Full PDB file with SEQRES, HELIX, SHEET, SSBOND, CRYST1, ORIGX, SCALE, CONECT and MASTER records, all heavy atoms in Angstrom:
SEQRES   1 A   30  ASN PRO ASP SER ARG ARG LEU MET VAL ASN ALA TRP ASN          
SEQRES   2 A   30  VAL GLY GLU LEU ASP GLN MET VAL LEU PRO PRO CYS HIS          
SEQRES   3 A   30  TYR GLY PHE GLN                                              
HELIX    1 AA1 LEU A   17  GLN A   19  5                                   3    
SHEET    1 AA1 2 VAL A   9  ASN A  10  0                                        
SHEET    2 AA1 2 GLY A  28  PHE A  29 -1                                        
CRYST1    1.000    1.000    1.000  90.00  90.00  90.00 P 1           1          
ORIGX1      1.000000  0.000000  0.000000        0.00000                         
ORIGX2      0.000000  1.000000  0.000000        0.00000                         
ORIGX3      0.000000  0.000000  1.000000        0.00000                         
SCALE1      1.000000  0.000000  0.000000        0.00000                         
SCALE2      0.000000  1.000000  0.000000        0.00000                         
SCALE3      0.000000  0.000000  1.000000        0.00000                         
ATOM      1  N   ASN A   1     -11.507  10.943  13.167  1.00  0.00           N  
ATOM      2  CA  ASN A   1     -12.430   9.814  13.062  1.00  0.00           C  
ATOM      3  C   ASN A   1     -11.712   8.517  13.444  1.00  0.00           C  
ATOM      4  O   ASN A   1     -11.523   7.617  12.623  1.00  0.00           O  
ATOM      5  CB  ASN A   1     -12.973   9.715  11.624  1.00  0.00           C  
ATOM      6  CG  ASN A   1     -14.082   8.689  11.491  1.00  0.00           C  
ATOM      7  OD1 ASN A   1     -14.681   8.258  12.479  1.00  0.00           O  
ATOM      8  ND2 ASN A   1     -14.358   8.277  10.254  1.00  0.00           N  
ATOM      9  N   PRO A   2     -11.298   8.407  14.713  1.00  0.00           N  
ATOM     10  CA  PRO A   2     -10.428   7.292  15.123  1.00  0.00           C  
ATOM     11  C   PRO A   2     -11.095   5.925  15.088  1.00  0.00           C  
ATOM     12  O   PRO A   2     -10.393   4.910  15.166  1.00  0.00           O  
ATOM     13  CB  PRO A   2     -10.027   7.675  16.551  1.00  0.00           C  
ATOM     14  CG  PRO A   2     -11.129   8.557  17.031  1.00  0.00           C  
ATOM     15  CD  PRO A   2     -11.585   9.331  15.830  1.00  0.00           C  
ATOM     16  N   ASP A   3     -12.433   5.852  14.969  1.00  0.00           N  
ATOM     17  CA  ASP A   3     -13.110   4.560  14.893  1.00  0.00           C  
ATOM     18  C   ASP A   3     -13.308   4.097  13.448  1.00  0.00           C  
ATOM     19  O   ASP A   3     -13.923   3.050  13.217  1.00  0.00           O  
ATOM     20  CB  ASP A   3     -14.465   4.627  15.600  1.00  0.00           C  
ATOM     21  CG  ASP A   3     -14.325   4.641  17.119  1.00  0.00           C  
ATOM     22  OD1 ASP A   3     -13.443   3.908  17.628  1.00  0.00           O  
ATOM     23  OD2 ASP A   3     -15.078   5.378  17.783  1.00  0.00           O  
ATOM     24  N   SER A   4     -12.782   4.845  12.499  1.00  0.00           N  
ATOM     25  CA  SER A   4     -12.923   4.472  11.093  1.00  0.00           C  
ATOM     26  C   SER A   4     -12.284   3.116  10.819  1.00  0.00           C  
ATOM     27  O   SER A   4     -11.271   2.759  11.423  1.00  0.00           O  
ATOM     28  CB  SER A   4     -12.283   5.539  10.198  1.00  0.00           C  
ATOM     29  OG  SER A   4     -12.247   5.106   8.847  1.00  0.00           O  
ATOM     30  N   ARG A   5     -12.874   2.375   9.871  1.00  0.00           N  
ATOM     31  CA  ARG A   5     -12.290   1.115   9.427  1.00  0.00           C  
ATOM     32  C   ARG A   5     -11.493   1.310   8.138  1.00  0.00           C  
ATOM     33  O   ARG A   5     -11.180   0.343   7.445  1.00  0.00           O  
ATOM     34  CB  ARG A   5     -13.399   0.073   9.244  1.00  0.00           C  
ATOM     35  CG  ARG A   5     -14.082  -0.318  10.557  1.00  0.00           C  
ATOM     36  CD  ARG A   5     -15.061  -1.462  10.357  1.00  0.00           C  
ATOM     37  NE  ARG A   5     -16.214  -1.067   9.567  1.00  0.00           N  
ATOM     38  CZ  ARG A   5     -17.336  -0.556  10.066  1.00  0.00           C  
ATOM     39  NH1 ARG A   5     -17.438  -0.353  11.378  1.00  0.00           N  
ATOM     40  NH2 ARG A   5     -18.341  -0.241   9.276  1.00  0.00           N  
ATOM     41  N   ARG A   6     -11.185   2.561   7.831  1.00  0.00           N  
ATOM     42  CA  ARG A   6     -10.427   2.887   6.615  1.00  0.00           C  
ATOM     43  C   ARG A   6      -9.060   3.490   6.944  1.00  0.00           C  
ATOM     44  O   ARG A   6      -8.486   4.214   6.139  1.00  0.00           O  
ATOM     45  CB  ARG A   6     -11.238   3.857   5.742  1.00  0.00           C  
ATOM     46  CG  ARG A   6     -12.600   3.307   5.356  1.00  0.00           C  
ATOM     47  CD  ARG A   6     -13.420   4.314   4.572  1.00  0.00           C  
ATOM     48  NE  ARG A   6     -14.741   3.778   4.249  1.00  0.00           N  
ATOM     49  CZ  ARG A   6     -15.677   4.446   3.577  1.00  0.00           C  
ATOM     50  NH1 ARG A   6     -15.417   5.671   3.148  1.00  0.00           N  
ATOM     51  NH2 ARG A   6     -16.854   3.889   3.334  1.00  0.00           N  
ATOM     52  N   LEU A   7      -8.541   3.169   8.103  1.00  0.00           N  
ATOM     53  CA  LEU A   7      -7.256   3.721   8.549  1.00  0.00           C  
ATOM     54  C   LEU A   7      -6.134   2.851   7.989  1.00  0.00           C  
ATOM     55  O   LEU A   7      -5.530   2.040   8.687  1.00  0.00           O  
ATOM     56  CB  LEU A   7      -7.215   3.776  10.079  1.00  0.00           C  
ATOM     57  CG  LEU A   7      -8.336   4.596  10.733  1.00  0.00           C  
ATOM     58  CD1 LEU A   7      -8.307   4.423  12.249  1.00  0.00           C  
ATOM     59  CD2 LEU A   7      -8.228   6.071  10.361  1.00  0.00           C  
ATOM     60  N   MET A   8      -5.854   3.023   6.705  1.00  0.00           N  
ATOM     61  CA  MET A   8      -4.943   2.143   5.994  1.00  0.00           C  
ATOM     62  C   MET A   8      -3.960   2.935   5.137  1.00  0.00           C  
ATOM     63  O   MET A   8      -4.257   4.054   4.706  1.00  0.00           O  
ATOM     64  CB  MET A   8      -5.724   1.181   5.082  1.00  0.00           C  
ATOM     65  CG  MET A   8      -6.738   0.326   5.803  1.00  0.00           C  
ATOM     66  SD  MET A   8      -7.781  -0.618   4.653  1.00  0.00           S  
ATOM     67  CE  MET A   8      -6.547  -1.675   3.913  1.00  0.00           C  
ATOM     68  N   VAL A   9      -2.794   2.331   4.887  1.00  0.00           N  
ATOM     69  CA  VAL A   9      -1.801   2.861   3.949  1.00  0.00           C  
ATOM     70  C   VAL A   9      -1.387   1.700   3.046  1.00  0.00           C  
ATOM     71  O   VAL A   9      -1.076   0.612   3.531  1.00  0.00           O  
ATOM     72  CB  VAL A   9      -0.574   3.442   4.682  1.00  0.00           C  
ATOM     73  CG1 VAL A   9       0.546   3.774   3.694  1.00  0.00           C  
ATOM     74  CG2 VAL A   9      -0.971   4.690   5.467  1.00  0.00           C  
ATOM     75  N   ASN A  10      -1.374   1.947   1.736  1.00  0.00           N  
ATOM     76  CA  ASN A  10      -1.127   0.890   0.760  1.00  0.00           C  
ATOM     77  C   ASN A  10       0.062   1.253  -0.109  1.00  0.00           C  
ATOM     78  O   ASN A  10       0.160   2.375  -0.603  1.00  0.00           O  
ATOM     79  CB  ASN A  10      -2.373   0.701  -0.111  1.00  0.00           C  
ATOM     80  CG  ASN A  10      -2.314  -0.545  -0.969  1.00  0.00           C  
ATOM     81  OD1 ASN A  10      -1.349  -1.315  -0.913  1.00  0.00           O  
ATOM     82  ND2 ASN A  10      -3.340  -0.760  -1.766  1.00  0.00           N  
ATOM     83  N   ALA A  11       0.993   0.316  -0.295  1.00  0.00           N  
ATOM     84  CA  ALA A  11       2.145   0.552  -1.166  1.00  0.00           C  
ATOM     85  C   ALA A  11       2.064  -0.244  -2.465  1.00  0.00           C  
ATOM     86  O   ALA A  11       2.937  -0.114  -3.315  1.00  0.00           O  
ATOM     87  CB  ALA A  11       3.446   0.194  -0.434  1.00  0.00           C  
ATOM     88  N   TRP A  12       1.023  -1.062  -2.630  1.00  0.00           N  
ATOM     89  CA  TRP A  12       0.904  -1.928  -3.808  1.00  0.00           C  
ATOM     90  C   TRP A  12       0.132  -1.177  -4.897  1.00  0.00           C  
ATOM     91  O   TRP A  12      -1.073  -1.346  -5.062  1.00  0.00           O  
ATOM     92  CB  TRP A  12       0.210  -3.228  -3.443  1.00  0.00           C  
ATOM     93  CG  TRP A  12       0.313  -4.277  -4.513  1.00  0.00           C  
ATOM     94  CD1 TRP A  12      -0.613  -4.578  -5.462  1.00  0.00           C  
ATOM     95  CD2 TRP A  12       1.408  -5.162  -4.744  1.00  0.00           C  
ATOM     96  NE1 TRP A  12      -0.166  -5.584  -6.266  1.00  0.00           N  
ATOM     97  CE2 TRP A  12       1.082  -5.967  -5.848  1.00  0.00           C  
ATOM     98  CE3 TRP A  12       2.648  -5.353  -4.122  1.00  0.00           C  
ATOM     99  CZ2 TRP A  12       1.927  -6.961  -6.348  1.00  0.00           C  
ATOM    100  CZ3 TRP A  12       3.490  -6.334  -4.618  1.00  0.00           C  
ATOM    101  CH2 TRP A  12       3.131  -7.116  -5.711  1.00  0.00           C  
ATOM    102  N   ASN A  13       0.829  -0.341  -5.626  1.00  0.00           N  
ATOM    103  CA  ASN A  13       0.238   0.452  -6.704  1.00  0.00           C  
ATOM    104  C   ASN A  13       0.430  -0.324  -8.010  1.00  0.00           C  
ATOM    105  O   ASN A  13       1.500  -0.298  -8.615  1.00  0.00           O  
ATOM    106  CB  ASN A  13       0.917   1.817  -6.778  1.00  0.00           C  
ATOM    107  CG  ASN A  13       0.269   2.746  -7.776  1.00  0.00           C  
ATOM    108  OD1 ASN A  13      -0.414   2.309  -8.698  1.00  0.00           O  
ATOM    109  ND2 ASN A  13       0.474   4.046  -7.596  1.00  0.00           N  
ATOM    110  N   VAL A  14      -0.619  -1.015  -8.459  1.00  0.00           N  
ATOM    111  CA  VAL A  14      -0.481  -1.916  -9.608  1.00  0.00           C  
ATOM    112  C   VAL A  14      -0.082  -1.176 -10.879  1.00  0.00           C  
ATOM    113  O   VAL A  14       0.527  -1.760 -11.783  1.00  0.00           O  
ATOM    114  CB  VAL A  14      -1.782  -2.715  -9.850  1.00  0.00           C  
ATOM    115  CG1 VAL A  14      -2.045  -3.652  -8.693  1.00  0.00           C  
ATOM    116  CG2 VAL A  14      -2.970  -1.771 -10.054  1.00  0.00           C  
ATOM    117  N   GLY A  15      -0.398   0.123 -10.949  1.00  0.00           N  
ATOM    118  CA  GLY A  15      -0.051   0.894 -12.132  1.00  0.00           C  
ATOM    119  C   GLY A  15       1.410   1.277 -12.209  1.00  0.00           C  
ATOM    120  O   GLY A  15       1.874   1.753 -13.258  1.00  0.00           O  
ATOM    121  N   GLU A  16       2.150   1.072 -11.109  1.00  0.00           N  
ATOM    122  CA  GLU A  16       3.558   1.486 -11.083  1.00  0.00           C  
ATOM    123  C   GLU A  16       4.517   0.366 -10.705  1.00  0.00           C  
ATOM    124  O   GLU A  16       5.713   0.595 -10.553  1.00  0.00           O  
ATOM    125  CB  GLU A  16       3.745   2.679 -10.128  1.00  0.00           C  
ATOM    126  CG  GLU A  16       3.012   3.925 -10.580  1.00  0.00           C  
ATOM    127  CD  GLU A  16       3.280   5.143  -9.701  1.00  0.00           C  
ATOM    128  OE1 GLU A  16       3.695   4.959  -8.530  1.00  0.00           O  
ATOM    129  OE2 GLU A  16       3.072   6.262 -10.179  1.00  0.00           O  
ATOM    130  N   LEU A  17       4.017  -0.856 -10.545  1.00  0.00           N  
ATOM    131  CA  LEU A  17       4.880  -1.961 -10.125  1.00  0.00           C  
ATOM    132  C   LEU A  17       6.052  -2.159 -11.075  1.00  0.00           C  
ATOM    133  O   LEU A  17       7.176  -2.450 -10.636  1.00  0.00           O  
ATOM    134  CB  LEU A  17       4.076  -3.256 -10.030  1.00  0.00           C  
ATOM    135  CG  LEU A  17       3.043  -3.360  -8.907  1.00  0.00           C  
ATOM    136  CD1 LEU A  17       2.325  -4.695  -8.988  1.00  0.00           C  
ATOM    137  CD2 LEU A  17       3.686  -3.177  -7.540  1.00  0.00           C  
ATOM    138  N   ASP A  18       5.803  -2.019 -12.384  1.00  0.00           N  
ATOM    139  CA  ASP A  18       6.874  -2.267 -13.347  1.00  0.00           C  
ATOM    140  C   ASP A  18       7.937  -1.183 -13.351  1.00  0.00           C  
ATOM    141  O   ASP A  18       8.994  -1.341 -13.974  1.00  0.00           O  
ATOM    142  CB  ASP A  18       6.298  -2.437 -14.754  1.00  0.00           C  
ATOM    143  CG  ASP A  18       5.546  -1.211 -15.243  1.00  0.00           C  
ATOM    144  OD1 ASP A  18       5.257  -0.308 -14.424  1.00  0.00           O  
ATOM    145  OD2 ASP A  18       5.246  -1.138 -16.454  1.00  0.00           O  
ATOM    146  N   GLN A  19       7.687  -0.072 -12.643  1.00  0.00           N  
ATOM    147  CA  GLN A  19       8.675   0.995 -12.555  1.00  0.00           C  
ATOM    148  C   GLN A  19       9.533   0.882 -11.287  1.00  0.00           C  
ATOM    149  O   GLN A  19      10.481   1.635 -11.110  1.00  0.00           O  
ATOM    150  CB  GLN A  19       7.977   2.357 -12.560  1.00  0.00           C  
ATOM    151  CG  GLN A  19       7.103   2.618 -13.778  1.00  0.00           C  
ATOM    152  CD  GLN A  19       6.272   3.878 -13.604  1.00  0.00           C  
ATOM    153  OE1 GLN A  19       6.766   4.907 -13.134  1.00  0.00           O  
ATOM    154  NE2 GLN A  19       5.010   3.807 -13.983  1.00  0.00           N  
ATOM    155  N   MET A  20       9.173  -0.038 -10.398  1.00  0.00           N  
ATOM    156  CA  MET A  20       9.869  -0.193  -9.126  1.00  0.00           C  
ATOM    157  C   MET A  20      11.033  -1.162  -9.267  1.00  0.00           C  
ATOM    158  O   MET A  20      10.927  -2.165  -9.972  1.00  0.00           O  
ATOM    159  CB  MET A  20       8.911  -0.707  -8.046  1.00  0.00           C  
ATOM    160  CG  MET A  20       7.684   0.145  -7.816  1.00  0.00           C  
ATOM    161  SD  MET A  20       6.593  -0.619  -6.585  1.00  0.00           S  
ATOM    162  CE  MET A  20       5.143   0.429  -6.702  1.00  0.00           C  
ATOM    163  N   VAL A  21      12.134  -0.890  -8.574  1.00  0.00           N  
ATOM    164  CA  VAL A  21      13.259  -1.811  -8.596  1.00  0.00           C  
ATOM    165  C   VAL A  21      12.878  -3.138  -7.953  1.00  0.00           C  
ATOM    166  O   VAL A  21      13.407  -4.193  -8.298  1.00  0.00           O  
ATOM    167  CB  VAL A  21      14.480  -1.182  -7.892  1.00  0.00           C  
ATOM    168  CG1 VAL A  21      14.259  -1.049  -6.398  1.00  0.00           C  
ATOM    169  CG2 VAL A  21      15.734  -1.990  -8.164  1.00  0.00           C  
ATOM    170  N   LEU A  22      11.908  -3.092  -7.030  1.00  0.00           N  
ATOM    171  CA  LEU A  22      11.408  -4.295  -6.370  1.00  0.00           C  
ATOM    172  C   LEU A  22       9.986  -4.014  -5.891  1.00  0.00           C  
ATOM    173  O   LEU A  22       9.763  -3.044  -5.171  1.00  0.00           O  
ATOM    174  CB  LEU A  22      12.290  -4.668  -5.172  1.00  0.00           C  
ATOM    175  CG  LEU A  22      11.932  -5.935  -4.405  1.00  0.00           C  
ATOM    176  CD1 LEU A  22      12.180  -7.172  -5.266  1.00  0.00           C  
ATOM    177  CD2 LEU A  22      12.712  -6.025  -3.107  1.00  0.00           C  
ATOM    178  N   PRO A  23       9.001  -4.825  -6.300  1.00  0.00           N  
ATOM    179  CA  PRO A  23       7.641  -4.625  -5.790  1.00  0.00           C  
ATOM    180  C   PRO A  23       7.627  -4.752  -4.267  1.00  0.00           C  
ATOM    181  O   PRO A  23       8.427  -5.507  -3.706  1.00  0.00           O  
ATOM    182  CB  PRO A  23       6.843  -5.750  -6.452  1.00  0.00           C  
ATOM    183  CG  PRO A  23       7.637  -6.139  -7.650  1.00  0.00           C  
ATOM    184  CD  PRO A  23       9.073  -5.941  -7.262  1.00  0.00           C  
ATOM    185  N   PRO A  24       6.743  -4.040  -3.584  1.00  0.00           N  
ATOM    186  CA  PRO A  24       6.751  -4.033  -2.117  1.00  0.00           C  
ATOM    187  C   PRO A  24       6.591  -5.433  -1.522  1.00  0.00           C  
ATOM    188  O   PRO A  24       5.671  -6.158  -1.889  1.00  0.00           O  
ATOM    189  CB  PRO A  24       5.555  -3.146  -1.760  1.00  0.00           C  
ATOM    190  CG  PRO A  24       5.307  -2.318  -2.971  1.00  0.00           C  
ATOM    191  CD  PRO A  24       5.687  -3.174  -4.138  1.00  0.00           C  
ATOM    192  N   CYS A  25       7.501  -5.793  -0.623  1.00  0.00           N  
ATOM    193  CA  CYS A  25       7.353  -7.048   0.126  1.00  0.00           C  
ATOM    194  C   CYS A  25       6.330  -6.857   1.240  1.00  0.00           C  
ATOM    195  O   CYS A  25       5.465  -7.703   1.453  1.00  0.00           O  
ATOM    196  CB  CYS A  25       8.695  -7.487   0.699  1.00  0.00           C  
ATOM    197  SG  CYS A  25       9.900  -7.950  -0.545  1.00  0.00           S  
ATOM    198  N   HIS A  26       6.438  -5.754   1.980  1.00  0.00           N  
ATOM    199  CA  HIS A  26       5.398  -5.391   2.958  1.00  0.00           C  
ATOM    200  C   HIS A  26       4.545  -4.333   2.268  1.00  0.00           C  
ATOM    201  O   HIS A  26       4.942  -3.199   2.080  1.00  0.00           O  
ATOM    202  CB  HIS A  26       6.005  -4.897   4.274  1.00  0.00           C  
ATOM    203  CG  HIS A  26       7.131  -3.924   4.148  1.00  0.00           C  
ATOM    204  ND1 HIS A  26       6.975  -2.562   4.342  1.00  0.00           N  
ATOM    205  CD2 HIS A  26       8.436  -4.110   3.846  1.00  0.00           C  
ATOM    206  CE1 HIS A  26       8.133  -1.959   4.164  1.00  0.00           C  
ATOM    207  NE2 HIS A  26       9.040  -2.867   3.866  1.00  0.00           N  
ATOM    208  N   TYR A  27       3.355  -4.737   1.850  1.00  0.00           N  
ATOM    209  CA  TYR A  27       2.616  -3.947   0.873  1.00  0.00           C  
ATOM    210  C   TYR A  27       1.519  -3.065   1.451  1.00  0.00           C  
ATOM    211  O   TYR A  27       0.868  -2.324   0.720  1.00  0.00           O  
ATOM    212  CB  TYR A  27       2.020  -4.859  -0.207  1.00  0.00           C  
ATOM    213  CG  TYR A  27       1.073  -5.927   0.313  1.00  0.00           C  
ATOM    214  CD1 TYR A  27      -0.284  -5.669   0.508  1.00  0.00           C  
ATOM    215  CD2 TYR A  27       1.541  -7.206   0.588  1.00  0.00           C  
ATOM    216  CE1 TYR A  27      -1.139  -6.642   0.971  1.00  0.00           C  
ATOM    217  CE2 TYR A  27       0.697  -8.196   1.041  1.00  0.00           C  
ATOM    218  CZ  TYR A  27      -0.650  -7.910   1.232  1.00  0.00           C  
ATOM    219  OH  TYR A  27      -1.504  -8.885   1.697  1.00  0.00           O  
ATOM    220  N   GLY A  28       1.303  -3.116   2.752  1.00  0.00           N  
ATOM    221  CA  GLY A  28       0.282  -2.247   3.322  1.00  0.00           C  
ATOM    222  C   GLY A  28       0.156  -2.459   4.818  1.00  0.00           C  
ATOM    223  O   GLY A  28       0.609  -3.471   5.356  1.00  0.00           O  
ATOM    224  N   PHE A  29      -0.459  -1.475   5.483  1.00  0.00           N  
ATOM    225  CA  PHE A  29      -0.722  -1.636   6.906  1.00  0.00           C  
ATOM    226  C   PHE A  29      -2.022  -0.930   7.275  1.00  0.00           C  
ATOM    227  O   PHE A  29      -2.490  -0.030   6.571  1.00  0.00           O  
ATOM    228  CB  PHE A  29       0.441  -1.138   7.767  1.00  0.00           C  
ATOM    229  CG  PHE A  29       0.712   0.345   7.716  1.00  0.00           C  
ATOM    230  CD1 PHE A  29       0.117   1.220   8.614  1.00  0.00           C  
ATOM    231  CD2 PHE A  29       1.602   0.865   6.781  1.00  0.00           C  
ATOM    232  CE1 PHE A  29       0.387   2.584   8.586  1.00  0.00           C  
ATOM    233  CE2 PHE A  29       1.878   2.226   6.734  1.00  0.00           C  
ATOM    234  CZ  PHE A  29       1.265   3.085   7.645  1.00  0.00           C  
ATOM    235  N   GLN A  30      -2.610  -1.380   8.370  1.00  0.00           N  
ATOM    236  CA  GLN A  30      -3.864  -0.840   8.878  1.00  0.00           C  
ATOM    237  C   GLN A  30      -3.712  -0.596  10.369  1.00  0.00           C  
ATOM    238  O   GLN A  30      -3.012  -1.346  11.060  1.00  0.00           O  
ATOM    239  CB  GLN A  30      -5.009  -1.830   8.623  1.00  0.00           C  
ATOM    240  CG  GLN A  30      -6.377  -1.377   9.123  1.00  0.00           C  
ATOM    241  CD  GLN A  30      -7.471  -2.386   8.773  1.00  0.00           C  
ATOM    242  OE1 GLN A  30      -7.214  -3.392   8.116  1.00  0.00           O  
ATOM    243  NE2 GLN A  30      -8.700  -2.121   9.202  1.00  0.00           N  
TER     244      GLN A  30                                                      
MASTER        0    0    0    1    2    0    0    6  243    1    0    3          
END                                                                             
């Protein structure tokens, strides 16, 4: 489905930010 507008990857998981050594600086891409 190459015309989808949902072609995204997200690294900003709010439920796990406090477990990360550093919250993501680059937090997602489309």
